[in-house]
Amino acid sequence: MRENGGAASGPRASHPSLAVALAPIAAAIFIFGAVYGTVSAPEMGAPMTFLASALVFSGALQFTIAGLLLAGAGPAALLAAAVTLNVRHVLLGAVLRPRIKAPAPARAGAAWFLLDETVGLALTHEGDAARTLWRAGPVCYVAWLAGTAAGLAGGSVDVLQSAAVAVFPVLFIGLAALSCRNRSGAVRAVAAAAVTAAVALAWPDARALAPVFAAIAVALPGGDS
């Protein structure tokens, strides 16, 4: 699963960009996991809520199931929702397949980490897509489990939801940070993510504009240090 090439241009050189992109993504996943844990526990109980995060590992599906349970939906509706939401993974896998050079066992394992976020990273990150899934996926998985556990531990749903709204724009800055190829770009991407989160939390009315200004800051030309 390793690429050929020298140390300067090989996988090691791409790690900073992947790490910069993963930081806000993991933060957002953690917060959404906390919201899920808080919302689902009254309906499913703490053990089943955490088990769902460990075995399903799909924020979109788990939130949908939680909403359906709150609405009193039956097994047929739950199954239909699961099939409808998960069929997109077939398309995501088909898109990534030409970029995957790993053998069958590695591909099968990487499929567990086939998320919207990790697919975005794999599509924009150089090298074998399976390797990107293996590196980014475990971080997202741990963040989701940790967030679910934090939500189960207690806390205000309103506070968690406000935090999720604030962090969500930062996720996209993290994905954009994959284009960074120098220290200046990486520093500006991290700064933009921090400023976006701070402004969104402190000035709710500017939440829609904060990511725009932050993205402009990241896009401005910088030095190649």
Protein backbone atom coordinates (compact mmCIF):
# COMPACT_ATOMS: atom_id res chain seq x y z
CA MET A 1 0.00 0.00 0.00
CA ARG A 2 3.02 2.27 -0.16
CA GLU A 3 3.97 4.36 -3.17
CA ASN A 4 7.34 4.27 -4.82
CA GLY A 5 9.44 7.40 -4.68
CA GLY A 6 11.93 9.30 -2.60
CA ALA A 7 11.43 10.47 0.94
CA ALA A 8 10.80 14.05 -0.09
CA SER A 9 7.94 13.25 -2.49
CA GLY A 10 6.56 10.02 -1.01
CA PRO A 11 3.72 9.43 1.44
CA ARG A 12 5.54 11.12 4.29
CA ALA A 13 5.42 14.44 2.47
CA SER A 14 1.62 14.26 2.20
CA HIS A 15 0.97 13.53 5.87
CA PRO A 16 0.81 17.18 7.06
CA SER A 17 -1.95 17.99 4.55
CA LEU A 18 -3.98 14.97 5.59
CA ALA A 19 -3.49 15.77 9.27
CA VAL A 20 -4.56 19.39 8.76
CA ALA A 21 -7.71 18.27 6.98
CA LEU A 22 -8.51 15.61 9.58
CA ALA A 23 -8.40 17.93 12.59
CA PRO A 24 -11.61 19.91 11.90
CA ILE A 25 -13.33 16.83 10.47
CA ALA A 26 -12.63 14.83 13.62
CA ALA A 27 -13.82 17.75 15.76
CA ALA A 28 -17.09 17.98 13.83
CA ILE A 29 -17.62 14.21 14.00
CA PHE A 30 -17.00 14.27 17.75
CA ILE A 31 -19.60 16.98 18.30
CA PHE A 32 -22.20 15.33 16.08
CA GLY A 33 -21.53 12.08 17.91
CA ALA A 34 -22.20 13.86 21.19
CA VAL A 35 -25.47 15.22 19.84
CA TYR A 36 -26.44 11.72 18.69
CA GLY A 37 -25.61 10.20 22.06
CA THR A 38 -27.67 12.78 23.90
CA VAL A 39 -30.68 12.52 21.59
CA SER A 40 -30.75 8.74 21.21
CA ALA A 41 -30.15 7.65 24.79
CA PRO A 42 -33.72 8.36 26.00
CA GLU A 43 -35.16 6.23 23.18
CA MET A 44 -32.62 3.43 22.86
CA GLY A 45 -30.84 3.42 26.20
CA ALA A 46 -27.16 4.12 26.72
CA PRO A 47 -25.80 0.61 25.93
CA MET A 48 -27.71 0.28 22.65
CA THR A 49 -26.87 3.84 21.62
CA PHE A 50 -23.16 3.24 22.05
CA LEU A 51 -23.39 -0.19 20.41
CA ALA A 52 -25.08 1.40 17.40
CA SER A 53 -22.20 3.84 17.02
CA ALA A 54 -19.69 1.00 17.30
CA LEU A 55 -21.40 -1.31 14.80
CA VAL A 56 -23.23 1.01 12.40
CA PHE A 57 -20.76 3.94 12.31
CA SER A 58 -22.96 6.13 10.11
CA GLY A 59 -24.03 9.50 11.40
CA ALA A 60 -26.63 10.05 8.68
CA LEU A 61 -28.27 6.67 9.24
CA GLN A 62 -28.09 6.80 13.03
CA PHE A 63 -29.65 10.26 13.21
CA THR A 64 -32.36 9.12 10.80
CA ILE A 65 -33.10 6.03 12.87
CA ALA A 66 -33.22 8.12 16.04
CA GLY A 67 -35.69 10.50 14.41
CA LEU A 68 -37.85 7.65 13.18
CA LEU A 69 -37.89 6.06 16.61
CA LEU A 70 -38.92 9.37 18.16
CA ALA A 71 -41.74 9.51 15.61
CA GLY A 72 -42.85 5.97 16.47
CA ALA A 73 -41.86 4.38 13.13
CA GLY A 74 -42.00 0.63 12.72
CA PRO A 75 -39.41 -1.91 11.49
CA ALA A 76 -40.37 -1.49 7.81
CA ALA A 77 -39.67 2.25 7.89
CA LEU A 78 -36.36 1.69 9.68
CA LEU A 79 -35.27 -0.90 7.11
CA ALA A 80 -36.29 1.31 4.20
CA ALA A 81 -34.31 4.21 5.63
CA ALA A 82 -31.24 2.01 6.09
CA VAL A 83 -31.35 0.72 2.51
CA THR A 84 -31.98 4.16 1.04
CA LEU A 85 -29.14 5.85 2.90
CA ASN A 86 -26.62 3.05 2.48
CA VAL A 87 -27.06 2.53 -1.25
CA ARG A 88 -24.90 5.62 -1.80
CA HIS A 89 -21.90 3.64 -0.58
CA VAL A 90 -22.08 1.55 -3.76
CA LEU A 91 -21.62 4.72 -5.79
CA LEU A 92 -18.89 6.03 -3.50
CA GLY A 93 -17.02 2.75 -3.84
CA ALA A 94 -17.34 2.84 -7.61
CA VAL A 95 -15.94 6.36 -7.72
CA LEU A 96 -12.95 5.40 -5.57
CA ARG A 97 -12.22 2.03 -7.21
CA PRO A 98 -9.96 3.42 -10.00
CA ARG A 99 -7.86 5.15 -7.33
CA ILE A 100 -7.39 2.02 -5.21
CA LYS A 101 -4.28 -0.09 -5.79
CA ALA A 102 -4.39 -2.14 -2.60
CA PRO A 103 -5.03 -5.92 -2.65
CA ALA A 104 -8.49 -7.35 -1.96
CA PRO A 105 -8.08 -7.84 1.84
CA ALA A 106 -6.97 -4.23 2.30
CA ARG A 107 -9.84 -3.00 0.12
CA ALA A 108 -12.33 -5.00 2.16
CA GLY A 109 -11.05 -3.52 5.40
CA ALA A 110 -11.00 0.00 3.97
CA ALA A 111 -14.70 -0.35 3.06
CA TRP A 112 -15.54 -0.06 6.77
CA PHE A 113 -14.15 3.48 6.70
CA LEU A 114 -16.09 4.51 3.57
CA LEU A 115 -17.65 7.74 4.85
CA ASP A 116 -18.61 10.93 3.04
CA GLU A 117 -15.71 12.68 4.77
CA THR A 118 -13.10 10.02 4.10
CA VAL A 119 -14.17 9.70 0.48
CA GLY A 120 -13.68 13.44 0.08
CA LEU A 121 -10.20 13.11 1.55
CA ALA A 122 -9.37 10.13 -0.67
CA LEU A 123 -10.50 11.94 -3.81
CA THR A 124 -8.38 15.00 -3.13
CA HIS A 125 -5.36 13.35 -1.52
CA GLU A 126 -2.55 11.97 -3.64
CA GLY A 127 -1.79 8.28 -3.58
CA ASP A 128 -3.76 5.10 -3.02
CA ALA A 129 -7.30 5.87 -1.90
CA ALA A 130 -7.37 2.74 0.29
CA ARG A 131 -4.36 4.00 2.20
CA THR A 132 -6.10 7.32 2.83
CA LEU A 133 -9.20 5.49 4.08
CA TRP A 134 -7.06 3.39 6.42
CA ARG A 135 -5.34 6.48 7.83
CA ALA A 136 -8.32 8.81 8.12
CA GLY A 137 -11.01 6.24 8.92
CA PRO A 138 -9.77 5.14 12.36
CA VAL A 139 -9.48 8.77 13.45
CA CYS A 140 -13.09 9.41 12.40
CA TYR A 141 -14.23 6.18 14.07
CA VAL A 142 -12.60 7.04 17.40
CA ALA A 143 -13.98 10.59 17.22
CA TRP A 144 -17.50 9.24 16.62
CA LEU A 145 -17.28 6.77 19.50
CA ALA A 146 -15.78 9.39 21.82
CA GLY A 147 -18.49 11.88 20.88
CA THR A 148 -21.23 9.32 21.48
CA ALA A 149 -19.74 8.51 24.89
CA ALA A 150 -19.57 12.22 25.74
CA GLY A 151 -23.21 12.65 24.77
CA LEU A 152 -24.22 9.70 26.91
CA ALA A 153 -22.31 11.16 29.85
CA GLY A 154 -24.74 14.07 29.87
CA GLY A 155 -25.08 17.61 28.69
CA SER A 156 -27.55 20.02 27.18
CA VAL A 157 -28.85 19.05 23.76
CA ASP A 158 -29.22 22.73 22.84
CA VAL A 159 -25.60 23.44 23.70
CA LEU A 160 -24.37 20.45 21.72
CA GLN A 161 -26.48 21.34 18.71
CA SER A 162 -25.21 24.93 18.77
CA ALA A 163 -21.65 23.66 18.88
CA ALA A 164 -22.34 21.31 15.97
CA VAL A 165 -23.69 24.18 13.87
CA ALA A 166 -20.58 26.20 14.70
CA VAL A 167 -18.11 23.45 13.83
CA PHE A 168 -19.86 22.25 10.66
CA PRO A 169 -18.40 25.00 8.39
CA VAL A 170 -14.92 24.17 9.70
CA LEU A 171 -15.27 20.69 8.24
CA PHE A 172 -15.27 22.10 4.74
CA ILE A 173 -12.22 24.23 5.46
CA GLY A 174 -10.53 21.02 6.55
CA LEU A 175 -11.36 19.39 3.23
CA ALA A 176 -10.07 22.46 1.38
CA ALA A 177 -6.85 22.27 3.39
CA LEU A 178 -5.91 19.16 1.43
CA SER A 179 -4.78 21.48 -1.35
CA CYS A 180 -2.07 22.95 0.90
CA ARG A 181 1.39 22.05 -0.29
CA ASN A 182 3.48 24.33 1.94
CA ARG A 183 3.74 25.51 5.52
CA SER A 184 2.09 28.86 4.82
CA GLY A 185 -1.03 27.24 3.38
CA ALA A 186 -1.29 24.78 6.25
CA VAL A 187 -0.96 27.53 8.87
CA ARG A 188 -3.57 29.69 7.16
CA ALA A 189 -5.97 26.73 6.88
CA VAL A 190 -5.70 25.98 10.60
CA ALA A 191 -6.10 29.67 11.43
CA ALA A 192 -9.15 29.93 9.18
CA ALA A 193 -10.76 26.94 10.88
CA ALA A 194 -10.12 28.42 14.33
CA VAL A 195 -11.45 31.85 13.35
CA THR A 196 -14.56 30.32 11.76
CA ALA A 197 -15.38 28.32 14.88
CA ALA A 198 -14.75 31.30 17.17
CA VAL A 199 -16.86 33.71 15.12
CA ALA A 200 -19.68 31.20 14.70
CA LEU A 201 -19.86 30.63 18.44
CA ALA A 202 -19.43 34.26 19.53
CA TRP A 203 -21.45 35.92 16.75
CA PRO A 204 -24.27 33.58 15.65
CA ASP A 205 -25.63 36.02 13.06
CA ALA A 206 -22.32 35.83 11.16
CA ARG A 207 -22.20 32.05 10.95
CA ALA A 208 -23.06 32.09 7.26
CA LEU A 209 -20.37 34.65 6.42
CA ALA A 210 -17.53 33.42 8.62
CA PRO A 211 -16.61 30.43 6.40
CA VAL A 212 -16.60 32.69 3.32
CA PHE A 213 -14.04 35.10 4.77
CA ALA A 214 -12.01 32.21 6.17
CA ALA A 215 -11.99 30.46 2.79
CA ILE A 216 -10.77 33.66 1.13
CA ALA A 217 -7.95 33.84 3.67
CA VAL A 218 -6.93 30.27 2.81
CA ALA A 219 -7.10 30.90 -0.93
CA LEU A 220 -4.91 34.03 -0.94
CA PRO A 221 -1.42 33.37 -2.35
CA GLY A 222 1.24 32.82 0.26
CA GLY A 223 4.90 32.03 0.56
CA ASP A 224 6.32 28.59 -0.19
CA SER A 225 8.04 28.23 3.17
